[in-house]
Protein backbone atom coordinates (compact mmCIF):
# COMPACT_ATOMS: atom_id res chain seq x y z
CA MET A 1 -3.10 -14.55 -1.57
CA PHE A 2 -3.34 -15.79 1.98
CA SER A 3 -0.40 -16.58 4.23
CA LYS A 4 1.39 -19.74 3.19
CA GLN A 5 -0.07 -21.88 5.96
CA VAL A 6 -3.64 -20.67 5.42
CA THR A 7 -3.34 -21.22 1.67
CA MET A 8 -2.36 -24.86 2.21
CA ARG A 9 -5.30 -25.48 4.55
CA ALA A 10 -7.66 -23.86 2.06
CA LEU A 11 -6.32 -25.92 -0.84
CA VAL A 12 -6.81 -29.13 1.14
CA ALA A 13 -10.49 -28.26 1.52
CA ALA A 14 -10.82 -27.20 -2.11
CA TYR A 15 -9.33 -30.46 -3.34
CA ALA A 16 -11.81 -32.33 -1.15
CA VAL A 17 -14.69 -30.51 -2.80
CA ALA A 18 -13.28 -31.18 -6.26
CA PHE A 19 -12.74 -34.84 -5.41
CA CYS A 20 -16.33 -35.28 -4.28
CA SER A 21 -17.61 -33.68 -7.46
CA ALA A 22 -15.68 -36.30 -9.44
CA CYS A 23 -17.14 -39.26 -7.55
CA PRO A 24 -19.53 -41.69 -9.29
CA ASP A 25 -23.07 -40.38 -9.53
CA THR A 26 -24.92 -41.99 -6.64
CA GLY A 27 -27.55 -39.30 -6.32
CA ILE A 28 -27.56 -35.81 -4.90
CA VAL A 29 -24.48 -34.91 -2.85
CA CYS A 30 -24.97 -31.84 -0.66
CA ARG A 31 -22.17 -29.52 0.33
CA MET A 32 -21.20 -28.64 3.86
CA GLY A 33 -23.90 -26.92 5.87
CA THR A 34 -26.73 -28.27 3.71
CA ASN A 35 -28.81 -31.46 3.81
CA ARG A 36 -30.63 -33.62 1.30
CA CYS A 37 -34.21 -32.37 1.04
CA GLY A 38 -36.53 -33.65 -1.65
CA ALA A 39 -34.91 -33.32 -5.05
CA GLY A 40 -32.25 -30.88 -3.81
CA CYS A 41 -30.34 -29.61 -0.80
CA ALA A 42 -31.45 -27.19 1.92
CA ASP A 43 -29.75 -25.16 4.61
CA TYR A 44 -31.82 -26.06 7.68
CA THR A 45 -30.23 -23.28 9.74
CA SER A 46 -31.60 -20.38 7.69
CA ASP A 47 -34.05 -21.52 4.99
CA ARG A 48 -37.55 -20.35 5.94
CA ARG A 49 -39.00 -23.13 3.78
CA ASN A 50 -36.99 -25.83 5.56
CA CYS A 51 -36.24 -24.46 9.03
CA GLY A 52 -34.72 -27.10 11.28
CA GLY A 53 -35.71 -29.86 8.89
CA CYS A 54 -36.91 -30.67 5.41
CA GLY A 55 -40.36 -29.23 4.69
CA GLN A 56 -40.65 -27.42 8.02
CA ALA A 57 -41.77 -24.06 6.69
CA CYS A 58 -41.97 -20.96 8.85
CA ALA A 59 -45.29 -19.17 9.16
CA ALA A 60 -46.08 -15.88 7.45
CA GLY A 61 -44.05 -13.06 8.97
CA GLN A 62 -41.32 -15.42 10.18
CA VAL A 63 -37.78 -16.13 9.04
CA CYS A 64 -35.39 -18.92 9.97
CA ALA A 65 -32.46 -18.13 12.29
CA ALA A 66 -30.26 -20.83 13.81
CA SER A 67 -32.82 -23.48 12.74
CA VAL A 68 -35.66 -21.74 14.58
CA CYS A 69 -38.53 -19.71 13.11
CA VAL A 70 -38.50 -16.17 14.53
CA CYS A 71 -40.36 -12.98 13.74
CA GLN A 72 -39.13 -11.05 10.73
CA ALA A 73 -37.57 -7.65 11.45
CA GLY A 74 -40.34 -5.05 11.51
CA THR A 75 -42.91 -7.46 12.93
CA GLU A 76 -43.93 -8.37 16.46
CA LEU A 77 -45.64 -11.27 18.19
CA CYS A 78 -49.41 -10.85 18.62
CA ASP A 79 -51.46 -13.80 19.88
CA GLY A 80 -48.89 -16.26 18.61
CA ARG A 81 -48.53 -14.61 15.18
CA CYS A 82 -45.76 -12.41 13.81
CA VAL A 83 -47.50 -9.35 12.42
CA ALA A 84 -46.56 -5.98 10.98
CA THR A 85 -48.72 -3.64 13.03
CA ALA A 86 -48.23 -0.93 10.39
CA SER A 87 -50.27 -2.92 7.86
CA ASP A 88 -51.99 -5.92 9.49
CA PRO A 89 -55.80 -5.34 9.60
CA ASN A 90 -56.10 -7.63 12.63
CA ALA A 91 -53.44 -5.75 14.60
CA CYS A 92 -53.49 -2.28 13.06
CA GLY A 93 -51.31 0.00 15.16
CA GLY A 94 -50.95 -2.60 17.90
CA CYS A 95 -51.93 -6.07 19.05
CA GLY A 96 -55.69 -6.64 19.32
CA ARG A 97 -56.66 -3.55 17.33
CA ALA A 98 -58.63 -5.04 14.44
CA CYS A 99 -60.06 -2.94 11.64
CA ALA A 100 -63.74 -3.11 10.79
CA SER A 101 -64.92 -5.28 7.92
CA GLY A 102 -64.09 -3.69 4.56
CA GLN A 103 -61.34 -1.44 5.97
CA VAL A 104 -57.64 -1.62 5.27
CA CYS A 105 -54.65 -0.92 7.50
CA GLU A 106 -52.16 1.72 6.40
CA LEU A 107 -49.33 3.03 8.60
CA GLY A 108 -51.07 1.62 11.68
CA GLN A 109 -54.42 3.26 10.93
CA CYS A 110 -57.70 1.71 9.74
CA LYS A 111 -58.95 3.38 6.56
CA ALA A 112 -61.53 2.90 3.85
CA SER A 113 -58.80 2.55 1.22
CA CYS A 114 -55.06 2.93 0.72
CA THR A 115 -54.34 6.64 0.40
CA LEU A 116 -50.57 6.97 0.10
CA GLY A 117 -48.98 7.03 -3.33
CA VAL A 118 -46.37 4.44 -2.31
CA SER A 119 -48.96 1.95 -1.04
CA THR A 120 -49.99 -1.24 -2.78
CA ARG A 121 -53.06 -3.08 -1.54
CA CYS A 122 -52.32 -6.66 -0.54
CA GLY A 123 -55.55 -8.12 0.84
CA ALA A 124 -56.60 -5.67 3.54
CA SER A 125 -53.05 -4.39 4.03
CA CYS A 126 -51.50 -1.27 2.49
CA VAL A 127 -47.77 -1.90 1.98
CA ASP A 128 -44.82 -0.35 0.17
CA THR A 129 -43.60 -3.20 -2.02
CA THR A 130 -40.34 -1.36 -2.65
CA SER A 131 -39.26 -1.72 1.00
CA ASP A 132 -41.55 -4.21 2.80
CA PRO A 133 -39.59 -7.45 3.46
CA SER A 134 -42.84 -9.43 3.68
CA ASN A 135 -44.10 -8.10 0.33
CA CYS A 136 -40.93 -7.27 -1.57
CA GLY A 137 -41.64 -6.50 -5.19
CA GLY A 138 -45.18 -7.83 -4.88
CA CYS A 139 -47.74 -9.19 -2.46
CA ALA A 140 -46.61 -12.14 -0.27
CA ARG A 141 -43.10 -12.18 -1.73
CA ALA A 142 -41.18 -12.51 1.53
CA CYS A 143 -37.44 -12.03 1.94
CA GLN A 144 -35.30 -14.48 3.87
CA GLY A 145 -33.64 -13.76 7.18
CA GLY A 146 -30.41 -11.89 6.51
CA GLN A 147 -32.08 -9.76 3.84
CA ARG A 148 -33.89 -6.46 3.55
CA CYS A 149 -36.07 -5.12 0.76
CA VAL A 150 -34.53 -2.41 -1.41
CA ALA A 151 -36.23 -1.06 -4.55
CA GLY A 152 -38.51 -4.07 -4.62
CA GLY A 153 -35.72 -6.64 -4.41
CA CYS A 154 -34.41 -8.75 -1.55
CA THR A 155 -30.77 -7.97 -0.82
CA SER A 156 -28.16 -8.43 1.89
CA ASP A 157 -25.95 -5.86 3.60
CA LEU A 158 -22.98 -8.24 3.48
CA VAL A 159 -21.92 -11.23 1.43
CA VAL A 160 -19.29 -13.73 2.61
CA ALA A 161 -17.24 -16.08 0.44
CA CYS A 162 -16.83 -19.53 2.00
CA PHE A 163 -13.64 -20.67 0.27
CA SER A 164 -13.45 -24.07 1.95
CA SER A 165 -16.97 -25.19 1.06
CA GLY A 166 -17.56 -23.48 -2.29
CA GLN A 167 -20.47 -21.36 -1.08
CA VAL A 168 -21.61 -17.78 -0.51
CA ALA A 169 -24.16 -16.34 1.88
CA GLY A 170 -25.68 -12.95 2.68
CA LEU A 171 -26.06 -11.36 6.11
CA SER A 172 -27.97 -8.53 7.69
CA ALA A 173 -25.76 -5.91 9.32
CA ALA A 174 -28.45 -5.18 11.90
CA THR A 175 -29.80 -8.61 12.89
CA LEU A 176 -26.72 -10.65 11.86
CA GLN A 177 -29.07 -13.26 10.46
CA ARG A 178 -27.69 -15.22 7.52
CA THR A 179 -29.34 -16.23 4.28
CA PRO A 180 -29.21 -19.88 3.25
CA LEU A 181 -25.88 -21.02 1.85
CA GLY A 182 -25.68 -20.98 -1.94
CA ASP A 183 -23.29 -23.13 -3.99
CA LEU A 184 -21.01 -21.03 -6.20
CA GLY A 185 -18.02 -22.67 -7.87
CA THR A 186 -15.44 -24.64 -5.92
CA ALA A 187 -13.56 -22.03 -3.89
CA PRO A 188 -14.90 -18.45 -4.13
CA ALA A 189 -12.02 -16.19 -3.19
CA ALA A 190 -12.89 -12.59 -4.13
CA LEU A 191 -16.28 -10.89 -4.48
CA ALA A 192 -17.69 -7.82 -6.21
CA THR A 193 -21.05 -6.64 -7.55
CA SER A 194 -22.08 -5.12 -10.86
CA SER A 195 -25.62 -4.08 -11.77
CA GLY A 196 -27.07 -6.12 -8.92
CA VAL A 197 -25.22 -9.31 -9.92
CA LEU A 198 -22.72 -10.99 -7.60
CA LEU A 199 -19.31 -11.70 -9.14
CA ALA A 200 -17.15 -14.35 -7.49
CA ALA A 201 -13.60 -15.13 -8.63
CA ASP A 202 -12.83 -18.77 -7.92
CA GLY A 203 -9.39 -19.56 -6.54
CA PHE A 204 -9.50 -23.17 -7.71
CA ASP A 205 -11.52 -23.27 -10.94
CA ARG A 206 -9.94 -20.16 -12.54
CA LYS A 207 -13.35 -18.69 -13.26
CA LEU A 208 -15.25 -15.51 -12.59
CA ASN A 209 -18.70 -16.85 -11.71
CA GLN A 210 -21.97 -14.94 -11.44
CA ALA A 211 -24.93 -15.33 -9.10
CA ASP A 212 -28.13 -13.53 -8.27
CA LEU A 213 -30.67 -13.69 -5.49
CA PRO A 214 -34.14 -13.54 -7.07
CA PRO A 215 -37.12 -13.26 -4.71
CA SER A 216 -38.26 -16.77 -5.61
CA GLU A 217 -35.01 -18.35 -4.44
CA ALA A 218 -33.79 -19.05 -0.93
CA ALA A 219 -30.08 -18.61 -1.63
CA TYR A 220 -27.66 -17.08 -4.09
CA ARG A 221 -28.05 -18.99 -7.34
CA GLU A 222 -25.24 -19.52 -9.83
CA LEU A 223 -26.12 -18.24 -13.29
CA PRO A 224 -25.23 -20.91 -15.86
CA GLY A 225 -23.33 -19.92 -18.95
CA ARG A 226 -22.04 -16.68 -17.45
CA SER A 227 -18.64 -17.82 -16.18
CA VAL A 228 -15.50 -16.22 -17.64
CA THR A 229 -12.03 -17.78 -17.49
CA THR A 230 -9.51 -16.02 -15.25
CA GLY A 231 -5.85 -16.55 -14.51
CA ALA A 232 -4.55 -18.65 -11.63
CA VAL A 233 -5.43 -17.53 -8.09
CA PRO A 234 -7.61 -14.48 -8.79
CA ASN A 235 -7.18 -12.41 -5.66
CA GLN A 236 -9.29 -9.29 -6.18
CA VAL A 237 -12.11 -8.10 -8.44
CA LEU A 238 -12.53 -4.36 -8.99
CA VAL A 239 -15.60 -3.02 -10.79
CA ASP A 240 -15.45 0.44 -12.38
CA GLY A 241 -18.57 1.13 -14.43
CA GLU A 242 -18.63 -1.13 -17.47
CA TRP A 243 -15.09 -2.35 -16.76
CA VAL A 244 -14.14 -5.23 -14.49
CA TYR A 245 -10.53 -5.78 -13.40
CA VAL A 246 -9.36 -9.15 -12.04
CA VAL A 247 -5.95 -9.40 -10.38
CA ASN A 248 -4.54 -12.91 -10.87
CA ALA A 249 -1.81 -13.52 -8.31
CA GLN A 250 -0.25 -16.76 -9.49
CA SER A 251 -0.49 -15.89 -13.18
CA GLY A 252 0.99 -12.45 -12.49
CA THR A 253 -1.57 -10.58 -14.57
CA LEU A 254 -4.15 -7.83 -14.55
CA GLN A 255 -7.16 -9.02 -16.55
CA VAL A 256 -9.52 -6.45 -18.08
CA LEU A 257 -13.11 -7.43 -18.85
CA ARG A 258 -15.85 -5.34 -20.41
CA ARG A 259 -19.54 -5.60 -19.69
CA GLY A 260 -21.66 -5.85 -22.80
CA ALA A 261 -25.27 -4.89 -23.35
CA THR A 262 -27.78 -7.03 -21.50
CA ASP A 263 -28.94 -9.73 -23.87
CA GLY A 264 -32.18 -10.63 -22.14
CA ASP A 265 -30.78 -13.54 -20.15
CA ALA A 266 -30.04 -13.39 -16.45
CA GLY A 267 -26.59 -12.10 -15.55
CA LEU A 268 -24.00 -9.93 -17.27
CA PRO A 269 -22.25 -10.54 -20.59
CA LEU A 270 -18.54 -10.14 -19.76
CA THR A 271 -15.68 -10.42 -22.23
CA THR A 272 -11.94 -10.35 -21.57
CA VAL A 273 -10.48 -7.61 -23.76
CA GLN A 274 -6.90 -7.40 -22.50
CA GLU A 275 -4.45 -8.88 -20.00
CA LEU A 276 -1.40 -7.03 -18.69
CA VAL A 277 1.44 -9.37 -17.68
CA PHE A 278 3.68 -8.29 -14.80
CA GLY A 279 6.07 -11.23 -15.11
CA PRO A 280 7.04 -14.42 -13.25
CA ASN A 281 7.13 -14.46 -9.45
CA THR A 282 5.47 -11.04 -9.20
CA PHE A 283 2.26 -12.26 -7.52
CA PRO A 284 0.12 -9.10 -7.82
CA GLN A 285 -2.27 -8.84 -4.90
CA GLY A 286 -4.96 -6.27 -5.71
CA ALA A 287 -5.74 -2.94 -7.30
CA ALA A 288 -6.82 0.51 -6.13
CA LYS A 289 -7.93 3.26 -8.51
CA VAL A 290 -6.84 6.90 -8.22
CA GLY A 291 -7.78 9.13 -11.12
CA SER A 292 -7.14 7.23 -14.34
CA SER A 293 -4.57 4.85 -12.81
CA LEU A 294 -4.68 1.54 -11.01
CA TRP A 295 -2.06 0.89 -8.35
CA VAL A 296 -1.09 -2.79 -8.11
CA PRO A 297 1.17 -4.17 -5.32
CA LEU A 298 3.57 -6.95 -6.33
CA TYR A 299 4.25 -9.40 -3.51
CA GLY A 300 7.21 -11.25 -4.98
CA GLY A 301 8.20 -14.90 -4.70
CA TYR A 302 8.46 -16.82 -1.45
CA GLY A 303 12.13 -17.73 -1.80
CA ALA A 304 15.06 -15.33 -1.44
CA ALA A 305 15.91 -15.80 -5.12
CA THR A 306 12.52 -14.54 -6.32
CA VAL A 307 11.55 -11.98 -3.71
CA ASP A 308 13.02 -9.13 -5.79
CA ALA A 309 10.24 -9.63 -8.35
CA GLY A 310 8.04 -7.89 -5.82
CA GLN A 311 8.65 -5.17 -3.21
CA ARG A 312 7.03 -2.53 -5.41
CA VAL A 313 3.75 -0.99 -6.46
CA ILE A 314 3.04 -0.63 -10.18
CA GLU A 315 1.09 2.27 -11.65
CA VAL A 316 -1.13 1.09 -14.51
CA SER A 317 -2.80 3.69 -16.70
CA VAL A 318 -6.40 2.77 -17.54
CA ALA A 319 -7.21 6.03 -19.30
CA ASP A 320 -8.03 3.62 -22.11
CA PRO A 321 -9.20 0.60 -20.11
CA ALA A 322 -9.03 -1.71 -23.11
CA ASN A 323 -5.28 -1.00 -23.34
CA PRO A 324 -3.84 -0.89 -19.80
CA ARG A 325 -0.21 0.26 -19.65
CA ALA A 326 2.34 0.07 -16.86
CA VAL A 327 3.57 3.67 -16.70
CA GLY A 328 5.61 3.70 -13.51
CA GLU A 329 6.42 2.05 -10.22
CA VAL A 330 7.23 2.90 -6.63
CA SER A 331 9.91 0.75 -5.04
CA LEU A 332 9.43 -0.18 -1.40
CA SER A 333 12.79 -1.89 -0.90
CA SER A 334 14.45 1.13 0.75
CA LEU A 335 11.71 1.75 3.34
CA ASP A 336 12.57 1.62 7.04
CA LEU A 337 10.90 -1.68 8.03
CA LYS A 338 11.80 -1.39 11.73
CA PRO A 339 13.13 -4.96 12.00
CA PHE A 340 13.30 -6.83 15.29
CA ASP A 341 14.76 -10.09 16.67
CA GLY A 342 17.79 -9.72 14.44
CA GLY A 343 15.79 -10.51 11.32
CA THR A 344 16.21 -8.97 7.89
CA PRO A 345 12.65 -8.47 6.64
CA VAL A 346 11.58 -7.40 3.17
CA PRO A 347 8.43 -5.45 2.34
CA ARG A 348 5.82 -7.80 0.90
CA PRO A 349 3.00 -5.54 -0.34
CA PHE A 350 -0.35 -7.20 0.14
CA ALA A 351 -3.80 -5.58 0.33
CA VAL A 352 -4.28 -2.09 -1.15
CA THR A 353 -6.84 0.70 -0.92
CA ALA A 354 -7.21 4.31 -2.06
CA HIS A 355 -8.14 6.95 0.52
CA HIS A 356 -8.12 10.75 0.30
CA GLY A 357 -6.10 10.62 -2.92
CA ALA A 358 -3.32 8.43 -1.49
CA VAL A 359 -2.66 4.72 -1.89
CA TYR A 360 -2.24 2.61 1.25
CA VAL A 361 -0.59 -0.81 0.99
CA ALA A 362 -0.42 -3.40 3.79
CA LEU A 363 3.11 -4.75 4.23
CA ASN A 364 3.49 -8.26 5.61
CA ASN A 365 7.11 -7.44 6.55
CA PHE A 366 8.24 -11.07 6.33
CA ASN A 367 11.75 -12.47 6.23
CA ALA A 368 13.27 -12.64 2.76
CA ASP A 369 13.27 -16.43 2.45
CA CYS A 370 9.77 -17.77 3.17
CA ASN A 371 10.67 -21.37 2.45
CA PRO A 372 9.44 -23.29 4.29
CA LEU A 373 7.92 -20.74 6.69
CA CYS A 374 7.10 -17.04 6.54
CA VAL A 375 8.03 -15.40 9.83
CA PRO A 376 7.40 -11.70 10.57
CA GLY A 377 10.70 -9.88 10.88
CA GLY A 378 9.21 -6.55 11.87
CA PRO A 379 5.96 -4.89 12.95
CA GLY A 380 2.86 -4.57 10.84
CA LEU A 381 3.31 -1.64 8.49
CA LEU A 382 1.43 0.35 5.89
CA ALA A 383 3.17 1.93 2.94
CA LYS A 384 1.59 5.25 1.99
CA VAL A 385 2.16 6.05 -1.68
CA ASP A 386 1.76 9.57 -3.02
CA PRO A 387 0.57 9.16 -6.63
CA ALA A 388 1.75 12.65 -7.57
CA SER A 389 5.35 12.43 -6.38
CA LYS A 390 5.66 8.64 -6.81
CA THR A 391 7.15 8.33 -3.34
CA ALA A 392 6.31 6.10 -0.37
CA SER A 393 6.49 6.48 3.38
CA VAL A 394 5.90 4.05 6.24
CA ILE A 395 3.15 3.99 8.88
CA ASP A 396 4.05 1.80 11.86
CA LEU A 397 0.98 -0.03 13.18
CA GLY A 398 2.93 -1.24 16.21
CA ALA A 399 4.43 -4.67 16.83
CA ASP A 400 2.53 -4.88 20.12
CA ALA A 401 -0.80 -5.06 18.24
CA CYS A 402 -0.11 -6.04 14.65
CA LEU A 403 1.98 -8.54 12.74
CA ASN A 404 1.26 -9.64 9.17
CA PRO A 405 -1.43 -7.14 7.99
CA GLN A 406 -4.16 -8.84 5.93
CA TRP A 407 -6.61 -6.19 4.73
CA VAL A 408 -6.97 -2.41 4.72
CA ALA A 409 -10.03 -0.28 4.00
CA PRO A 410 -11.39 3.20 4.79
CA LEU A 411 -13.32 3.61 8.03
CA GLY A 412 -14.86 7.09 8.05
CA ASP A 413 -12.02 9.61 7.72
CA GLY A 414 -9.47 7.03 8.80
CA LEU A 415 -8.44 3.48 8.00
CA ALA A 416 -8.95 0.04 9.47
CA VAL A 417 -6.36 -2.74 9.15
CA SER A 418 -6.76 -6.40 10.04
CA CYS A 419 -3.67 -8.28 11.20
CA GLY A 420 -3.17 -12.02 10.83
CA GLY A 421 -0.43 -12.13 13.46
CA GLN A 422 2.17 -14.85 13.77
CA ALA A 423 0.45 -18.22 13.51
CA THR A 424 1.71 -21.64 14.57
CA TYR A 425 0.32 -24.83 13.09
CA THR A 426 0.96 -28.48 13.93
CA GLY A 427 0.58 -31.71 12.03
CA GLN A 428 -0.29 -32.42 8.44
CA ASP A 429 -3.87 -31.26 9.05
CA PHE A 430 -2.61 -27.70 9.69
CA VAL A 431 -4.37 -27.15 13.01
CA LEU A 432 -3.87 -23.60 14.26
CA THR A 433 -2.46 -23.93 17.77
CA SER A 434 -1.26 -20.44 18.64
CA LEU A 435 -1.63 -16.89 17.38
CA GLU A 436 0.30 -13.82 18.47
CA ARG A 437 -0.44 -10.16 17.90
CA ALA A 438 -3.41 -10.61 15.60
CA GLY A 439 -6.38 -8.26 15.54
CA VAL A 440 -7.51 -4.92 14.13
CA VAL A 441 -5.89 -1.47 14.17
CA VAL A 442 -7.68 1.81 13.44
CA LEU A 443 -5.92 4.95 12.20
CA ASP A 444 -7.35 8.45 12.24
CA ALA A 445 -7.31 10.97 9.38
CA ASN A 446 -3.72 11.87 10.30
CA ASP A 447 -2.56 8.23 10.08
CA ARG A 448 -2.17 7.95 13.84
CA ARG A 449 -3.13 4.76 15.65
CA VAL A 450 -6.20 5.46 17.77
CA ALA A 451 -7.74 2.05 18.50
CA THR A 452 -6.83 -1.63 18.58
CA TRP A 453 -8.65 -4.91 19.09
CA ALA A 454 -7.22 -8.36 19.73
CA PRO A 455 -9.23 -11.60 19.72
CA ALA A 456 -9.58 -13.07 23.18
CA ALA A 457 -8.83 -16.74 23.73
CA PRO A 458 -12.15 -18.49 23.10
CA THR A 459 -13.96 -20.47 25.77
CA CYS A 460 -13.97 -24.16 24.90
CA GLY A 461 -17.16 -25.11 26.74
CA ASP A 462 -18.30 -28.68 27.29
CA ALA A 463 -17.54 -29.71 23.73
CA GLY A 464 -13.87 -28.89 24.17
CA VAL A 465 -13.74 -27.21 20.76
CA CYS A 466 -12.21 -23.75 20.80
CA PRO A 467 -10.70 -22.75 17.46
CA LEU A 468 -8.66 -19.57 17.42
CA PHE A 469 -9.92 -16.58 15.45
CA LEU A 470 -7.58 -15.70 12.56
CA PRO A 471 -8.50 -12.24 11.15
CA GLY A 472 -8.61 -11.84 7.39
CA ARG A 473 -10.60 -9.61 5.06
CA PHE A 474 -13.42 -7.49 6.41
CA GLY A 475 -16.34 -5.39 5.25
CA VAL A 476 -17.32 -1.95 6.55
CA LYS A 477 -20.90 -0.77 7.08
CA GLY A 478 -21.16 2.66 8.65
CA SER A 479 -18.97 2.57 11.74
CA SER A 480 -18.99 -1.23 12.08
CA LEU A 481 -16.40 -3.76 10.94
CA PHE A 482 -17.35 -7.31 9.95
CA VAL A 483 -14.11 -9.27 10.16
CA GLY A 484 -13.82 -12.68 8.52
CA ASP A 485 -12.15 -15.66 10.18
CA GLN A 486 -9.66 -17.65 8.05
CA ASN A 487 -9.67 -20.51 10.54
CA ALA A 488 -13.21 -21.51 11.51
CA GLY A 489 -15.59 -19.52 9.32
CA ARG A 490 -16.86 -16.95 11.80
CA LEU A 491 -17.50 -13.22 11.63
CA VAL A 492 -16.52 -10.85 14.41
CA VAL A 493 -18.53 -7.64 14.60
CA LEU A 494 -16.68 -4.57 15.92
CA ASP A 495 -18.32 -1.18 16.45
CA TYR A 496 -16.06 1.85 16.25
CA ALA A 497 -17.28 4.60 18.56
CA ASP A 498 -15.75 7.27 20.79
CA GLY A 499 -12.26 6.46 19.54
CA GLY A 500 -12.41 2.77 20.47
CA LEU A 501 -13.43 -0.63 19.14
CA VAL A 502 -16.20 -2.50 20.93
CA GLU A 503 -16.74 -6.18 20.23
CA ARG A 504 -20.43 -6.69 19.57
CA ARG A 505 -20.06 -10.35 18.58
CA GLY A 506 -16.88 -12.37 18.82
CA PRO A 507 -14.54 -14.69 20.73
CA ALA A 508 -14.60 -12.71 23.99
CA ARG A 509 -18.22 -13.81 24.39
CA ASN A 510 -17.80 -16.98 22.34
CA ASP A 511 -20.62 -15.79 20.07
CA GLY A 512 -19.03 -15.02 16.72
CA VAL A 513 -21.44 -15.26 13.79
CA GLN A 514 -20.97 -18.66 12.13
CA ALA A 515 -21.09 -17.46 8.55
CA CYS A 516 -19.46 -20.46 6.83
CA PRO A 517 -19.80 -24.17 7.65
CA VAL A 518 -16.84 -25.99 9.21
CA SER A 519 -15.60 -29.11 7.45
CA SER A 520 -14.84 -32.41 9.15
CA SER A 521 -11.18 -31.38 9.12
CA GLY A 522 -12.04 -28.22 11.04
CA ILE A 523 -11.39 -25.83 8.14
CA ALA A 524 -13.66 -22.92 7.28
CA ASN A 525 -11.92 -20.04 5.54
CA ILE A 526 -13.87 -16.81 4.93
CA ALA A 527 -11.96 -15.58 1.90
CA ASP A 528 -13.82 -12.29 1.42
CA VAL A 529 -16.45 -10.11 3.06
CA LEU A 530 -18.27 -7.85 0.62
CA ALA A 531 -20.20 -4.81 1.83
CA PRO A 532 -21.95 -3.61 -1.37
């Protein structure tokens, strides 16, 4: 459940997608970021088969990045060719070092035959098809840019949900290259994985869709016949073994699905077995598991008359997952919210995560009556819930760095929190014109603030286009944060080292990773960033 203004902008884009899909059939209609190519659509920015234009295939050893063919990771340029010197018989161990006729190249050495147990002979090359991105799962089965080869399958370190355009894409954490955009529903809002299959809850279609990325395909491919109906506005998907939990914000429910035995078709057989109803105006936001319980924050209604339906975290026993039971709650209404500017804020519990046996909940700390506008009435806060004592305490993230927390997740021994700040929009097109005290806060293992980051004002350049960066959900890989932009579809990459956050890619250098395409109205909302 995004802030009220962001939700409206996202729904405008989603309705546009739905409207186009209902237009008379005049041929193939490609979504944002893709172009008509032959009998289908192609992403010219990252499809190695159509790099920069339809049919413009990259050479062997190359991938497509920003519409240009470049050498695949693990290869280097030798006499105009991208080669893997560990296995190329014409550049074995280095450029210009060709093996004799009849020899093969293995680990940069010319040999009479492949000698290592992990090697597969592909021509005169000895490769490990379980990890070689040029021969992933078999000879000449190359991965796309934005992927690496794991256990013989092409996969991505990160997956982003492009809510505004109805697409998903994978990215490499190291190279920041992106896979081609793949169509998946109308408005993918929350992502998860189960048994190598991507699950995407759609915020518009009320479906839990499935997709995979087989080696023969350029992009994530929706698996037909595998969609499951969800409630309205599914906001988080939590996978726990054979069980899948979907938190439906607008419907006010926790939906429990069970994975059946694989039936030979692609994808996962999922069946809804139970749905726990929290009640009207509760707007549950997510779920975090501790022991045999799920902890679900209830946001409450926007108006003063319905806000009391929230302000609490519900404990749901899933000792028997097919029969979830609400067994307790922790009220947050009596917490010290540290109000400022004379406001009377209420705790609006938002994102949730489990860490070191405790439950941490991001509190938006908005004014009680959010109609027509939600305004922060206090600093960004986390509520720390002790599952044993059923009590909560407050962690102050600091009003100087954080208003309106959006997402929280473990970062090493500590926590990272993204903050949406106080946003100002103008006009019916909801253009973001100003943003105050947005960014990222890092806490150490003792819940003390140790690092902050705030997005710099972007440089407009000659084009005069300089959208502000609105932090939302993020993924964590090692000590790096990949923060999604709810305004213009970019990713900021922050490295946490020596107690500080360093911006590797982002608005300070005007080089954020353009993960999702921007619509003609200027909207590109990254709804989720999954780090499997």
